[in-house]
Amino acid sequence: MSDAIPPVLTLLRSPERAAVGVLHAAAGIARNALLAANPQLACDPTGDPLDRAVRRLLRRLDRLDVALHQYVRADDEWEPKDDLPF
């Protein structure tokens, strides 16, 4: 599965994989938006509540990304041709 939003064929043939793909894309967008809006993340943590919250969100997005990759890998091992269009 790619990191992009899944194609229509995947949406029709494998809706659960499409949902995982959309969730992965949304997490990537959220990560990029948080990094762009908070340049202080390049520095050491300040202890500011906003800084702590953003860093916590980024850690959770990283864990979500790992969990999504584990799901896709497990699904591929179970049914490797599951997300092929035809």
Protein backbone atom coordinates (compact mmCIF):
# COMPACT_ATOMS: atom_id res chain seq x y z
CA MET A 1 0.00 0.00 0.00
CA SER A 2 1.26 3.46 -0.79
CA ASP A 3 1.30 6.54 1.41
CA ALA A 4 -1.13 8.35 -0.87
CA ILE A 5 -4.90 8.41 -0.63
CA PRO A 6 -6.08 5.06 -2.05
CA PRO A 7 -7.53 4.84 -5.55
CA VAL A 8 -11.22 4.29 -6.22
CA LEU A 9 -10.66 0.62 -7.09
CA THR A 10 -9.26 0.02 -3.60
CA LEU A 11 -12.23 1.85 -2.10
CA LEU A 12 -14.62 -0.46 -3.93
CA ARG A 13 -12.78 -3.76 -3.61
CA SER A 14 -11.17 -3.43 -0.20
CA PRO A 15 -12.89 -0.76 1.92
CA GLU A 16 -10.96 -1.61 5.09
CA ARG A 17 -7.64 -1.07 3.30
CA ALA A 18 -9.00 2.17 1.86
CA ALA A 19 -9.89 3.33 5.37
CA VAL A 20 -6.37 2.50 6.57
CA GLY A 21 -4.93 4.39 3.59
CA VAL A 22 -7.05 7.47 4.27
CA LEU A 23 -6.11 7.38 7.96
CA HIS A 24 -2.43 7.14 7.03
CA ALA A 25 -2.73 10.09 4.64
CA ALA A 26 -4.60 12.17 7.23
CA ALA A 27 -1.94 11.43 9.84
CA GLY A 28 0.76 12.58 7.42
CA ILE A 29 -1.11 15.81 6.70
CA ALA A 30 -1.59 16.45 10.43
CA ARG A 31 2.10 15.78 11.12
CA ASN A 32 3.21 18.20 8.38
CA ALA A 33 0.77 20.88 9.56
CA LEU A 34 1.99 20.60 13.16
CA LEU A 35 5.63 20.79 12.10
CA ALA A 36 5.00 23.80 9.85
CA ALA A 37 2.98 25.71 12.43
CA ASN A 38 5.39 25.11 15.32
CA PRO A 39 8.96 26.03 14.36
CA GLN A 40 10.04 25.77 18.02
CA LEU A 41 9.97 21.98 17.62
CA ALA A 42 13.46 22.19 16.11
CA CYS A 43 14.73 23.42 19.49
CA ASP A 44 14.83 21.72 22.85
CA PRO A 45 11.48 21.33 24.63
CA THR A 46 10.46 24.55 26.36
CA GLY A 47 8.04 23.07 28.89
CA ASP A 48 5.31 25.35 27.56
CA PRO A 49 1.89 23.60 27.59
CA LEU A 50 1.45 24.12 23.83
CA ASP A 51 4.93 22.74 23.12
CA ARG A 52 4.23 19.67 25.27
CA ALA A 53 0.86 19.10 23.60
CA VAL A 54 2.29 19.34 20.08
CA ARG A 55 5.15 16.98 20.91
CA ARG A 56 2.68 14.52 22.48
CA LEU A 57 0.51 14.65 19.36
CA LEU A 58 3.53 14.01 17.14
CA ARG A 59 4.52 10.99 19.24
CA ARG A 60 0.98 9.62 18.99
CA LEU A 61 0.95 10.16 15.23
CA ASP A 62 4.24 8.26 15.00
CA ARG A 63 2.73 5.37 16.99
CA LEU A 64 -0.35 5.43 14.73
CA ASP A 65 1.91 5.26 11.67
CA VAL A 66 3.71 2.20 13.10
CA ALA A 67 0.39 0.53 13.95
CA LEU A 68 -0.95 1.14 10.44
CA HIS A 69 2.17 -0.36 8.86
CA GLN A 70 1.88 -3.40 11.14
CA TYR A 71 -1.77 -3.84 10.14
CA VAL A 72 -0.95 -3.64 6.43
CA ARG A 73 1.93 -6.11 6.81
CA ALA A 74 -0.25 -8.56 8.74
CA ASP A 75 -3.07 -8.20 6.21
CA ASP A 76 -0.64 -8.78 3.33
CA GLU A 77 0.68 -11.93 4.98
CA TRP A 78 -2.86 -13.20 5.51
CA GLU A 79 -4.14 -12.37 2.01
CA PRO A 80 -1.35 -10.94 -0.18
CA LYS A 81 -3.52 -10.35 -3.26
CA ASP A 82 -6.29 -8.67 -1.27
CA ASP A 83 -5.74 -5.13 -2.54
CA LEU A 84 -5.03 -5.86 -6.20
CA PRO A 85 -7.66 -4.28 -8.46
CA PHE A 86 -8.26 -7.39 -10.63
